[in-house]
Amino acid sequence: KNYPNPFNPSTTIEFSLPREQKTEVCIYNCKGQKVKMLNKGVLPSGRNAVIWDGKDESGRISASGIYFYRIKTEDKQVVKKITLIK
């Protein structure tokens, strides 16, 4: 889950892992284009959190709208919707 949602200027994405494993957390726009990679690497088992500051890979503030975050591990993939409001 993430909170707050909708958000401005940042949101925290929380998730739990059953074991230590490679994990990617990415933000995508409605067109499916990658906006920002928040994490790519090994995370520990248990509760984890990453923060999206509403900026893209170049450091520009993203436009208001609907975005999606994808959490991809070795075992599964989860996609959830988030809303950025300015």
PDB file of N, CA and C in Angstrom:
ATOM      1  N   LYS A   1       0.839  -1.184   0.000  1.00  0.00           N
ATOM      2  CA  LYS A   1       0.000   0.000   0.000  1.00  0.00           C
ATOM      3  C   LYS A   1       0.878   1.239   0.000  1.00  0.00           C
ATOM      4  N   ASN A   2       0.278   2.361  -0.340  1.00  0.00           N
ATOM      5  CA  ASN A   2       1.017   3.619  -0.263  1.00  0.00           C
ATOM      6  C   ASN A   2       0.173   4.651   0.474  1.00  0.00           C
ATOM      7  N   TYR A   3       0.853   5.593   1.079  1.00  0.00           N
ATOM      8  CA  TYR A   3       0.152   6.657   1.792  1.00  0.00           C
ATOM      9  C   TYR A   3       0.999   7.920   1.737  1.00  0.00           C
ATOM     10  N   PRO A   4       0.412   9.082   1.694  1.00  0.00           N
ATOM     11  CA  PRO A   4      -1.010   9.274   1.401  1.00  0.00           C
ATOM     12  C   PRO A   4      -1.307   8.982  -0.066  1.00  0.00           C
ATOM     13  N   ASN A   5      -2.554   8.802  -0.365  1.00  0.00           N
ATOM     14  CA  ASN A   5      -3.007   8.585  -1.741  1.00  0.00           C
ATOM     15  C   ASN A   5      -4.414   9.125  -1.855  1.00  0.00           C
ATOM     16  N   PRO A   6      -4.645  10.206  -2.575  1.00  0.00           N
ATOM     17  CA  PRO A   6      -3.702  10.968  -3.404  1.00  0.00           C
ATOM     18  C   PRO A   6      -2.634  11.660  -2.565  1.00  0.00           C
ATOM     19  N   PHE A   7      -1.545  12.077  -3.266  1.00  0.00           N
ATOM     20  CA  PHE A   7      -0.424  12.658  -2.544  1.00  0.00           C
ATOM     21  C   PHE A   7       0.116  13.921  -3.196  1.00  0.00           C
ATOM     22  N   ASN A   8       0.800  14.710  -2.393  1.00  0.00           N
ATOM     23  CA  ASN A   8       1.542  15.883  -2.821  1.00  0.00           C
ATOM     24  C   ASN A   8       2.341  16.337  -1.614  1.00  0.00           C
ATOM     25  N   PRO A   9       3.606  16.404  -1.603  1.00  0.00           N
ATOM     26  CA  PRO A   9       4.536  16.198  -2.718  1.00  0.00           C
ATOM     27  C   PRO A   9       5.145  14.803  -2.776  1.00  0.00           C
ATOM     28  N   SER A  10       4.953  13.959  -1.733  1.00  0.00           N
ATOM     29  CA  SER A  10       5.573  12.629  -1.775  1.00  0.00           C
ATOM     30  C   SER A  10       4.644  11.579  -1.183  1.00  0.00           C
ATOM     31  N   THR A  11       4.937  10.322  -1.511  1.00  0.00           N
ATOM     32  CA  THR A  11       4.168   9.205  -0.998  1.00  0.00           C
ATOM     33  C   THR A  11       5.115   8.078  -0.600  1.00  0.00           C
ATOM     34  N   THR A  12       4.730   7.329   0.411  1.00  0.00           N
ATOM     35  CA  THR A  12       5.514   6.198   0.889  1.00  0.00           C
ATOM     36  C   THR A  12       4.848   4.907   0.439  1.00  0.00           C
ATOM     37  N   ILE A  13       5.610   4.046  -0.189  1.00  0.00           N
ATOM     38  CA  ILE A  13       5.123   2.751  -0.663  1.00  0.00           C
ATOM     39  C   ILE A  13       5.682   1.681   0.267  1.00  0.00           C
ATOM     40  N   GLU A  14       4.786   0.992   0.972  1.00  0.00           N
ATOM     41  CA  GLU A  14       5.188  -0.056   1.913  1.00  0.00           C
ATOM     42  C   GLU A  14       4.812  -1.425   1.372  1.00  0.00           C
ATOM     43  N   PHE A  15       5.661  -2.398   1.649  1.00  0.00           N
ATOM     44  CA  PHE A  15       5.395  -3.773   1.234  1.00  0.00           C
ATOM     45  C   PHE A  15       6.228  -4.715   2.095  1.00  0.00           C
ATOM     46  N   SER A  16       5.803  -5.960   2.137  1.00  0.00           N
ATOM     47  CA  SER A  16       6.522  -6.986   2.902  1.00  0.00           C
ATOM     48  C   SER A  16       7.053  -8.052   1.972  1.00  0.00           C
ATOM     49  N   LEU A  17       8.215  -8.555   2.303  1.00  0.00           N
ATOM     50  CA  LEU A  17       8.826  -9.641   1.542  1.00  0.00           C
ATOM     51  C   LEU A  17       8.960 -10.867   2.439  1.00  0.00           C
ATOM     52  N   PRO A  18       8.648 -12.056   1.913  1.00  0.00           N
ATOM     53  CA  PRO A  18       8.744 -13.273   2.721  1.00  0.00           C
ATOM     54  C   PRO A  18      10.184 -13.687   3.020  1.00  0.00           C
ATOM     55  N   ARG A  19      11.118 -13.223   2.172  1.00  0.00           N
ATOM     56  CA  ARG A  19      12.533 -13.539   2.360  1.00  0.00           C
ATOM     57  C   ARG A  19      13.368 -12.470   1.659  1.00  0.00           C
ATOM     58  N   GLU A  20      14.638 -12.416   1.963  1.00  0.00           N
ATOM     59  CA  GLU A  20      15.540 -11.487   1.274  1.00  0.00           C
ATOM     60  C   GLU A  20      15.578 -11.856  -0.200  1.00  0.00           C
ATOM     61  N   GLN A  21      15.408 -10.852  -1.078  1.00  0.00           N
ATOM     62  CA  GLN A  21      15.412 -11.139  -2.508  1.00  0.00           C
ATOM     63  C   GLN A  21      15.576  -9.872  -3.335  1.00  0.00           C
ATOM     64  N   LYS A  22      15.934 -10.088  -4.628  1.00  0.00           N
ATOM     65  CA  LYS A  22      16.027  -8.980  -5.567  1.00  0.00           C
ATOM     66  C   LYS A  22      14.640  -8.374  -5.736  1.00  0.00           C
ATOM     67  N   THR A  23      14.571  -7.048  -5.670  1.00  0.00           N
ATOM     68  CA  THR A  23      13.298  -6.355  -5.758  1.00  0.00           C
ATOM     69  C   THR A  23      13.457  -5.081  -6.569  1.00  0.00           C
ATOM     70  N   GLU A  24      12.509  -4.852  -7.479  1.00  0.00           N
ATOM     71  CA  GLU A  24      12.466  -3.608  -8.241  1.00  0.00           C
ATOM     72  C   GLU A  24      11.168  -2.892  -7.901  1.00  0.00           C
ATOM     73  N   VAL A  25      11.267  -1.588  -7.652  1.00  0.00           N
ATOM     74  CA  VAL A  25      10.079  -0.758  -7.455  1.00  0.00           C
ATOM     75  C   VAL A  25      10.188   0.387  -8.453  1.00  0.00           C
ATOM     76  N   CYS A  26       9.222   0.458  -9.384  1.00  0.00           N
ATOM     77  CA  CYS A  26       9.232   1.467 -10.433  1.00  0.00           C
ATOM     78  C   CYS A  26       7.900   2.198 -10.486  1.00  0.00           C
ATOM     79  N   ILE A  27       7.950   3.451 -10.939  1.00  0.00           N
ATOM     80  CA  ILE A  27       6.759   4.259 -11.169  1.00  0.00           C
ATOM     81  C   ILE A  27       6.556   4.362 -12.679  1.00  0.00           C
ATOM     82  N   TYR A  28       5.292   4.204 -13.116  1.00  0.00           N
ATOM     83  CA  TYR A  28       4.937   4.309 -14.528  1.00  0.00           C
ATOM     84  C   TYR A  28       3.794   5.300 -14.697  1.00  0.00           C
ATOM     85  N   ASN A  29       3.748   5.953 -15.861  1.00  0.00           N
ATOM     86  CA  ASN A  29       2.621   6.830 -16.158  1.00  0.00           C
ATOM     87  C   ASN A  29       1.497   6.017 -16.809  1.00  0.00           C
ATOM     88  N   CYS A  30       0.408   6.674 -17.163  1.00  0.00           N
ATOM     89  CA  CYS A  30      -0.755   5.987 -17.740  1.00  0.00           C
ATOM     90  C   CYS A  30      -0.458   5.344 -19.098  1.00  0.00           C
ATOM     91  N   LYS A  31       0.581   5.816 -19.779  1.00  0.00           N
ATOM     92  CA  LYS A  31       0.966   5.244 -21.071  1.00  0.00           C
ATOM     93  C   LYS A  31       1.862   4.027 -20.913  1.00  0.00           C
ATOM     94  N   GLY A  32       2.216   3.704 -19.666  1.00  0.00           N
ATOM     95  CA  GLY A  32       3.092   2.568 -19.419  1.00  0.00           C
ATOM     96  C   GLY A  32       4.569   2.903 -19.512  1.00  0.00           C
ATOM     97  N   GLN A  33       4.893   4.195 -19.607  1.00  0.00           N
ATOM     98  CA  GLN A  33       6.285   4.620 -19.686  1.00  0.00           C
ATOM     99  C   GLN A  33       6.871   4.735 -18.281  1.00  0.00           C
ATOM    100  N   LYS A  34       8.098   4.254 -18.126  1.00  0.00           N
ATOM    101  CA  LYS A  34       8.746   4.331 -16.822  1.00  0.00           C
ATOM    102  C   LYS A  34       9.054   5.791 -16.496  1.00  0.00           C
ATOM    103  N   VAL A  35       8.633   6.222 -15.321  1.00  0.00           N
ATOM    104  CA  VAL A  35       8.879   7.577 -14.844  1.00  0.00           C
ATOM    105  C   VAL A  35      10.098   7.603 -13.932  1.00  0.00           C
ATOM    106  N   LYS A  36      10.174   6.631 -13.009  1.00  0.00           N
ATOM    107  CA  LYS A  36      11.272   6.614 -12.041  1.00  0.00           C
ATOM    108  C   LYS A  36      11.472   5.220 -11.471  1.00  0.00           C
ATOM    109  N   MET A  37      12.734   4.823 -11.357  1.00  0.00           N
ATOM    110  CA  MET A  37      13.116   3.593 -10.666  1.00  0.00           C
ATOM    111  C   MET A  37      13.407   3.989  -9.225  1.00  0.00           C
ATOM    112  N   LEU A  38      12.643   3.433  -8.287  1.00  0.00           N
ATOM    113  CA  LEU A  38      12.829   3.772  -6.880  1.00  0.00           C
ATOM    114  C   LEU A  38      13.774   2.813  -6.173  1.00  0.00           C
ATOM    115  N   ASN A  39      13.781   1.571  -6.614  1.00  0.00           N
ATOM    116  CA  ASN A  39      14.675   0.580  -6.001  1.00  0.00           C
ATOM    117  C   ASN A  39      14.972  -0.517  -7.006  1.00  0.00           C
ATOM    118  N   LYS A  40      16.237  -0.916  -7.049  1.00  0.00           N
ATOM    119  CA  LYS A  40      16.637  -2.081  -7.837  1.00  0.00           C
ATOM    120  C   LYS A  40      17.790  -2.715  -7.090  1.00  0.00           C
ATOM    121  N   GLY A  41      17.487  -3.809  -6.424  1.00  0.00           N
ATOM    122  CA  GLY A  41      18.512  -4.478  -5.649  1.00  0.00           C
ATOM    123  C   GLY A  41      17.901  -5.420  -4.636  1.00  0.00           C
ATOM    124  N   VAL A  42      18.744  -5.968  -3.796  1.00  0.00           N
ATOM    125  CA  VAL A  42      18.310  -6.934  -2.795  1.00  0.00           C
ATOM    126  C   VAL A  42      17.771  -6.190  -1.572  1.00  0.00           C
ATOM    127  N   LEU A  43      16.579  -6.586  -1.127  1.00  0.00           N
ATOM    128  CA  LEU A  43      15.972  -6.038   0.083  1.00  0.00           C
ATOM    129  C   LEU A  43      15.789  -7.167   1.096  1.00  0.00           C
ATOM    130  N   PRO A  44      15.796  -6.838   2.375  1.00  0.00           N
ATOM    131  CA  PRO A  44      15.648  -7.863   3.411  1.00  0.00           C
ATOM    132  C   PRO A  44      14.221  -8.374   3.529  1.00  0.00           C
ATOM    133  N   SER A  45      14.056  -9.507   4.172  1.00  0.00           N
ATOM    134  CA  SER A  45      12.712 -10.022   4.429  1.00  0.00           C
ATOM    135  C   SER A  45      12.009  -9.094   5.413  1.00  0.00           C
ATOM    136  N   GLY A  46      10.692  -9.172   5.419  1.00  0.00           N
ATOM    137  CA  GLY A  46       9.912  -8.330   6.314  1.00  0.00           C
ATOM    138  C   GLY A  46       9.443  -7.064   5.637  1.00  0.00           C
ATOM    139  N   ARG A  47       9.132  -6.092   6.465  1.00  0.00           N
ATOM    140  CA  ARG A  47       8.537  -4.841   5.990  1.00  0.00           C
ATOM    141  C   ARG A  47       9.599  -3.920   5.384  1.00  0.00           C
ATOM    142  N   ASN A  48       9.290  -3.375   4.199  1.00  0.00           N
ATOM    143  CA  ASN A  48      10.160  -2.446   3.491  1.00  0.00           C
ATOM    144  C   ASN A  48       9.343  -1.247   3.045  1.00  0.00           C
ATOM    145  N   ALA A  49      10.012  -0.139   2.794  1.00  0.00           N
ATOM    146  CA  ALA A  49       9.330   1.068   2.317  1.00  0.00           C
ATOM    147  C   ALA A  49      10.263   1.869   1.422  1.00  0.00           C
ATOM    148  N   VAL A  50       9.684   2.465   0.378  1.00  0.00           N
ATOM    149  CA  VAL A  50      10.402   3.399  -0.485  1.00  0.00           C
ATOM    150  C   VAL A  50       9.533   4.643  -0.614  1.00  0.00           C
ATOM    151  N   ILE A  51      10.161   5.771  -0.885  1.00  0.00           N
ATOM    152  CA  ILE A  51       9.436   7.039  -1.008  1.00  0.00           C
ATOM    153  C   ILE A  51       9.592   7.565  -2.427  1.00  0.00           C
ATOM    154  N   TRP A  52       8.463   7.967  -3.020  1.00  0.00           N
ATOM    155  CA  TRP A  52       8.512   8.656  -4.313  1.00  0.00           C
ATOM    156  C   TRP A  52       8.222  10.120  -4.054  1.00  0.00           C
ATOM    157  N   ASP A  53       9.127  10.974  -4.491  1.00  0.00           N
ATOM    158  CA  ASP A  53       8.993  12.412  -4.277  1.00  0.00           C
ATOM    159  C   ASP A  53       8.245  13.119  -5.405  1.00  0.00           C
ATOM    160  N   GLY A  54       7.631  12.363  -6.301  1.00  0.00           N
ATOM    161  CA  GLY A  54       6.855  12.952  -7.395  1.00  0.00           C
ATOM    162  C   GLY A  54       7.701  13.434  -8.552  1.00  0.00           C
ATOM    163  N   LYS A  55       8.992  13.086  -8.549  1.00  0.00           N
ATOM    164  CA  LYS A  55       9.891  13.530  -9.619  1.00  0.00           C
ATOM    165  C   LYS A  55      10.255  12.373 -10.532  1.00  0.00           C
ATOM    166  N   ASP A  56      10.614  12.731 -11.780  1.00  0.00           N
ATOM    167  CA  ASP A  56      11.031  11.701 -12.732  1.00  0.00           C
ATOM    168  C   ASP A  56      12.535  11.452 -12.604  1.00  0.00           C
ATOM    169  N   GLU A  57      13.086  10.630 -13.487  1.00  0.00           N
ATOM    170  CA  GLU A  57      14.512  10.280 -13.436  1.00  0.00           C
ATOM    171  C   GLU A  57      15.425  11.493 -13.613  1.00  0.00           C
ATOM    172  N   SER A  58      14.926  12.539 -14.305  1.00  0.00           N
ATOM    173  CA  SER A  58      15.723  13.743 -14.542  1.00  0.00           C
ATOM    174  C   SER A  58      15.590  14.770 -13.427  1.00  0.00           C
ATOM    175  N   GLY A  59      14.759  14.470 -12.425  1.00  0.00           N
ATOM    176  CA  GLY A  59      14.569  15.393 -11.316  1.00  0.00           C
ATOM    177  C   GLY A  59      13.468  16.405 -11.534  1.00  0.00           C
ATOM    178  N   ARG A  60      12.748  16.276 -12.651  1.00  0.00           N
ATOM    179  CA  ARG A  60      11.623  17.183 -12.924  1.00  0.00           C
ATOM    180  C   ARG A  60      10.383  16.718 -12.175  1.00  0.00           C
ATOM    181  N   ILE A  61       9.596  17.661 -11.694  1.00  0.00           N
ATOM    182  CA  ILE A  61       8.354  17.330 -10.993  1.00  0.00           C
ATOM    183  C   ILE A  61       7.349  16.803 -12.003  1.00  0.00           C
ATOM    184  N   SER A  62       6.754  15.667 -11.706  1.00  0.00           N
ATOM    185  CA  SER A  62       5.778  15.039 -12.594  1.00  0.00           C
ATOM    186  C   SER A  62       4.460  15.793 -12.555  1.00  0.00           C
ATOM    187  N   ALA A  63       3.714  15.695 -13.634  1.00  0.00           N
ATOM    188  CA  ALA A  63       2.407  16.349 -13.737  1.00  0.00           C
ATOM    189  C   ALA A  63       1.385  15.652 -12.846  1.00  0.00           C
ATOM    190  N   SER A  64       0.359  16.383 -12.455  1.00  0.00           N
ATOM    191  CA  SER A  64      -0.745  15.776 -11.714  1.00  0.00           C
ATOM    192  C   SER A  64      -1.354  14.674 -12.562  1.00  0.00           C
ATOM    193  N   GLY A  65      -1.830  13.630 -11.908  1.00  0.00           N
ATOM    194  CA  GLY A  65      -2.480  12.557 -12.654  1.00  0.00           C
ATOM    195  C   GLY A  65      -2.348  11.213 -11.978  1.00  0.00           C
ATOM    196  N   ILE A  66      -2.758  10.197 -12.723  1.00  0.00           N
ATOM    197  CA  ILE A  66      -2.725   8.817 -12.259  1.00  0.00           C
ATOM    198  C   ILE A  66      -1.394   8.189 -12.663  1.00  0.00           C
ATOM    199  N   TYR A  67      -0.777   7.505 -11.722  1.00  0.00           N
ATOM    200  CA  TYR A  67       0.459   6.769 -11.957  1.00  0.00           C
ATOM    201  C   TYR A  67       0.287   5.364 -11.387  1.00  0.00           C
ATOM    202  N   PHE A  68       1.208   4.503 -11.721  1.00  0.00           N
ATOM    203  CA  PHE A  68       1.190   3.138 -11.209  1.00  0.00           C
ATOM    204  C   PHE A  68       2.560   2.813 -10.651  1.00  0.00           C
ATOM    205  N   TYR A  69       2.580   2.091  -9.548  1.00  0.00           N
ATOM    206  CA  TYR A  69       3.861   1.569  -9.071  1.00  0.00           C
ATOM    207  C   TYR A  69       3.838   0.066  -9.213  1.00  0.00           C
ATOM    208  N   ARG A  70       4.999  -0.469  -9.602  1.00  0.00           N
ATOM    209  CA  ARG A  70       5.151  -1.918  -9.778  1.00  0.00           C
ATOM    210  C   ARG A  70       6.232  -2.404  -8.846  1.00  0.00           C
ATOM    211  N   ILE A  71       5.882  -3.387  -8.042  1.00  0.00           N
ATOM    212  CA  ILE A  71       6.854  -4.060  -7.187  1.00  0.00           C
ATOM    213  C   ILE A  71       7.081  -5.428  -7.801  1.00  0.00           C
ATOM    214  N   LYS A  72       8.299  -5.669  -8.265  1.00  0.00           N
ATOM    215  CA  LYS A  72       8.637  -6.928  -8.930  1.00  0.00           C
ATOM    216  C   LYS A  72       9.717  -7.634  -8.133  1.00  0.00           C
ATOM    217  N   THR A  73       9.430  -8.872  -7.741  1.00  0.00           N
ATOM    218  CA  THR A  73      10.407  -9.694  -7.032  1.00  0.00           C
ATOM    219  C   THR A  73      10.705 -10.924  -7.873  1.00  0.00           C
ATOM    220  N   GLU A  74      11.537 -11.807  -7.344  1.00  0.00           N
ATOM    221  CA  GLU A  74      11.855 -13.050  -8.043  1.00  0.00           C
ATOM    222  C   GLU A  74      10.623 -13.941  -8.172  1.00  0.00           C
ATOM    223  N   ASP A  75       9.661 -13.774  -7.253  1.00  0.00           N
ATOM    224  CA  ASP A  75       8.495 -14.656  -7.201  1.00  0.00           C
ATOM    225  C   ASP A  75       7.224 -14.088  -7.813  1.00  0.00           C
ATOM    226  N   LYS A  76       7.030 -12.767  -7.707  1.00  0.00           N
ATOM    227  CA  LYS A  76       5.774 -12.188  -8.180  1.00  0.00           C
ATOM    228  C   LYS A  76       5.913 -10.729  -8.507  1.00  0.00           C
ATOM    229  N   GLN A  77       4.805 -10.195  -9.007  1.00  0.00           N
ATOM    230  CA  GLN A  77       4.757  -8.797  -9.413  1.00  0.00           C
ATOM    231  C   GLN A  77       3.418  -8.226  -8.974  1.00  0.00           C
ATOM    232  N   VAL A  78       3.445  -7.006  -8.421  1.00  0.00           N
ATOM    233  CA  VAL A  78       2.226  -6.342  -7.974  1.00  0.00           C
ATOM    234  C   VAL A  78       2.205  -4.944  -8.585  1.00  0.00           C
ATOM    235  N   VAL A  79       1.048  -4.534  -9.108  1.00  0.00           N
ATOM    236  CA  VAL A  79       0.885  -3.195  -9.673  1.00  0.00           C
ATOM    237  C   VAL A  79      -0.289  -2.528  -8.969  1.00  0.00           C
ATOM    238  N   LYS A  80      -0.071  -1.295  -8.514  1.00  0.00           N
ATOM    239  CA  LYS A  80      -1.113  -0.525  -7.828  1.00  0.00           C
ATOM    240  C   LYS A  80      -1.155   0.890  -8.387  1.00  0.00           C
ATOM    241  N   LYS A  81      -2.338   1.511  -8.277  1.00  0.00           N
ATOM    242  CA  LYS A  81      -2.555   2.850  -8.789  1.00  0.00           C
ATOM    243  C   LYS A  81      -2.331   3.879  -7.690  1.00  0.00           C
ATOM    244  N   ILE A  82      -1.698   5.013  -8.064  1.00  0.00           N
ATOM    245  CA  ILE A  82      -1.538   6.138  -7.148  1.00  0.00           C
ATOM    246  C   ILE A  82      -1.883   7.426  -7.897  1.00  0.00           C
ATOM    247  N   THR A  83      -2.253   8.455  -7.157  1.00  0.00           N
ATOM    248  CA  THR A  83      -2.653   9.718  -7.769  1.00  0.00           C
ATOM    249  C   THR A  83      -1.824  10.868  -7.208  1.00  0.00           C
ATOM    250  N   LEU A  84      -1.209  11.628  -8.110  1.00  0.00           N
ATOM    251  CA  LEU A  84      -0.447  12.823  -7.753  1.00  0.00           C
ATOM    252  C   LEU A  84      -1.332  14.032  -8.007  1.00  0.00           C
ATOM    253  N   ILE A  85      -1.556  14.850  -6.977  1.00  0.00           N
ATOM    254  CA  ILE A  85      -2.371  16.052  -7.093  1.00  0.00           C
ATOM    255  C   ILE A  85      -1.528  17.250  -6.704  1.00  0.00           C
ATOM    256  N   LYS A  86      -1.597  18.289  -7.514  1.00  0.00           N
ATOM    257  CA  LYS A  86      -0.854  19.516  -7.192  1.00  0.00           C
ATOM    258  C   LYS A  86      -1.808  20.611  -6.818  1.00  0.00           C
TER     259      LYS A  86
END
